[in-house]
C-alpha atoms as a PDB file:
ATOM      1  CA  MET A   1      -0.349 -15.040 -24.911  1.00  0.00           C
ATOM      2  CA  SER A   2       0.195 -11.351 -24.171  1.00  0.00           C
ATOM      3  CA  PHE A   3       1.930 -10.013 -21.077  1.00  0.00           C
ATOM      4  CA  ARG A   4      -1.374  -8.582 -19.779  1.00  0.00           C
ATOM      5  CA  LYS A   5      -3.121 -11.940 -20.081  1.00  0.00           C
ATOM      6  CA  GLN A   6      -0.276 -13.709 -18.309  1.00  0.00           C
ATOM      7  CA  ALA A   7      -0.292 -11.078 -15.560  1.00  0.00           C
ATOM      8  CA  LYS A   8      -4.058 -11.504 -15.090  1.00  0.00           C
ATOM      9  CA  LEU A   9      -3.446 -15.173 -14.282  1.00  0.00           C
ATOM     10  CA  LEU A  10      -1.444 -13.972 -11.249  1.00  0.00           C
ATOM     11  CA  GLN A  11      -4.221 -11.779  -9.796  1.00  0.00           C
ATOM     12  CA  GLY A  12      -4.666 -12.466  -6.090  1.00  0.00           C
ATOM     13  CA  LYS A  13      -1.199 -14.039  -5.815  1.00  0.00           C
ATOM     14  CA  THR A  14       1.909 -12.737  -4.047  1.00  0.00           C
ATOM     15  CA  ILE A  15       4.352 -11.532  -6.683  1.00  0.00           C
ATOM     16  CA  GLN A  16       7.607  -9.664  -7.137  1.00  0.00           C
ATOM     17  CA  VAL A  17       7.738  -6.923  -9.756  1.00  0.00           C
ATOM     18  CA  THR A  18      11.096  -5.766 -11.085  1.00  0.00           C
ATOM     19  CA  THR A  19      10.915  -2.401 -12.854  1.00  0.00           C
ATOM     20  CA  THR A  20      13.500  -0.161 -14.442  1.00  0.00           C
ATOM     21  CA  GLY A  21      13.936   1.614 -11.092  1.00  0.00           C
ATOM     22  CA  SER A  22      12.928  -0.687  -8.211  1.00  0.00           C
ATOM     23  CA  ILE A  23      11.743  -4.061  -7.001  1.00  0.00           C
ATOM     24  CA  TYR A  24       8.287  -4.345  -5.382  1.00  0.00           C
ATOM     25  CA  THR A  25       6.661  -7.255  -3.563  1.00  0.00           C
ATOM     26  CA  GLY A  26       2.976  -7.641  -2.777  1.00  0.00           C
ATOM     27  CA  THR A  27      -0.377  -9.027  -3.844  1.00  0.00           C
ATOM     28  CA  LEU A  28      -1.464  -8.326  -7.412  1.00  0.00           C
ATOM     29  CA  LEU A  29      -4.913  -6.751  -7.166  1.00  0.00           C
ATOM     30  CA  SER A  30      -5.700  -5.963 -10.806  1.00  0.00           C
ATOM     31  CA  VAL A  31      -4.262  -5.545 -14.275  1.00  0.00           C
ATOM     32  CA  GLY A  32      -5.397  -2.630 -16.436  1.00  0.00           C
ATOM     33  CA  THR A  33      -4.664  -1.778 -20.054  1.00  0.00           C
ATOM     34  CA  ASP A  34      -1.302  -0.154 -19.275  1.00  0.00           C
ATOM     35  CA  PHE A  35      -0.803  -0.564 -15.512  1.00  0.00           C
ATOM     36  CA  LEU A  36      -1.179  -2.988 -12.627  1.00  0.00           C
ATOM     37  CA  ILE A  37      -2.139  -2.405  -9.013  1.00  0.00           C
ATOM     38  CA  LEU A  38      -0.029  -4.037  -6.331  1.00  0.00           C
ATOM     39  CA  SER A  39      -0.968  -4.126  -2.633  1.00  0.00           C
ATOM     40  CA  SER A  40       1.981  -4.061  -0.225  1.00  0.00           C
ATOM     41  CA  ILE A  41       2.493  -3.550   3.495  1.00  0.00           C
ATOM     42  CA  ILE A  42       4.827  -0.609   4.106  1.00  0.00           C
ATOM     43  CA  ARG A  43       5.684   0.373   7.700  1.00  0.00           C
ATOM     44  CA  GLY A  44       2.761  -1.659   9.013  1.00  0.00           C
ATOM     45  CA  ARG A  45       0.160  -0.090   6.704  1.00  0.00           C
ATOM     46  CA  ARG A  46      -1.354  -1.555   3.569  1.00  0.00           C
ATOM     47  CA  ARG A  47      -0.603   0.550   0.488  1.00  0.00           C
ATOM     48  CA  ARG A  48      -1.686   0.255  -3.111  1.00  0.00           C
ATOM     49  CA  ARG A  49       0.912   0.944  -5.755  1.00  0.00           C
ATOM     50  CA  ILE A  50       0.187   1.611  -9.428  1.00  0.00           C
ATOM     51  CA  ILE A  51       2.944   0.356 -11.727  1.00  0.00           C
ATOM     52  CA  ARG A  52       3.044   1.074 -15.454  1.00  0.00           C
ATOM     53  CA  LEU A  53       3.390  -2.062 -17.599  1.00  0.00           C
ATOM     54  CA  ALA A  54       5.967  -0.268 -19.780  1.00  0.00           C
ATOM     55  CA  GLU A  55       8.322  -0.042 -16.761  1.00  0.00           C
ATOM     56  CA  ILE A  56       8.143  -3.746 -15.850  1.00  0.00           C
ATOM     57  CA  ILE A  57      11.175  -5.874 -16.647  1.00  0.00           C
ATOM     58  CA  LEU A  58      10.203  -9.034 -14.742  1.00  0.00           C
ATOM     59  CA  LEU A  59       7.073 -10.289 -13.035  1.00  0.00           C
ATOM     60  CA  SER A  60       7.427 -13.424 -10.898  1.00  0.00           C
ATOM     61  CA  ARG A  61       5.231 -15.308  -8.458  1.00  0.00           C
ATOM     62  CA  LEU A  62       6.492 -15.823  -4.914  1.00  0.00           C
ATOM     63  CA  PHE A  63       5.718 -19.007  -3.033  1.00  0.00           C
ATOM     64  CA  GLY A  64       5.471 -19.292   0.699  1.00  0.00           C
END
């Protein structure tokens, strides 16, 4: 199974994304051909973040 297909199984779940430069936490909204969209709350406001799949080192689901 490809990385994209595995990531699509996590849509709607709270995840942690480790990239080459940072670690992001939020709800996975969608998975595109070469990016994903993560929704996070930053300073009390909901923000959408686009993360390139090529930059992702680790994608893990958070429970809680």
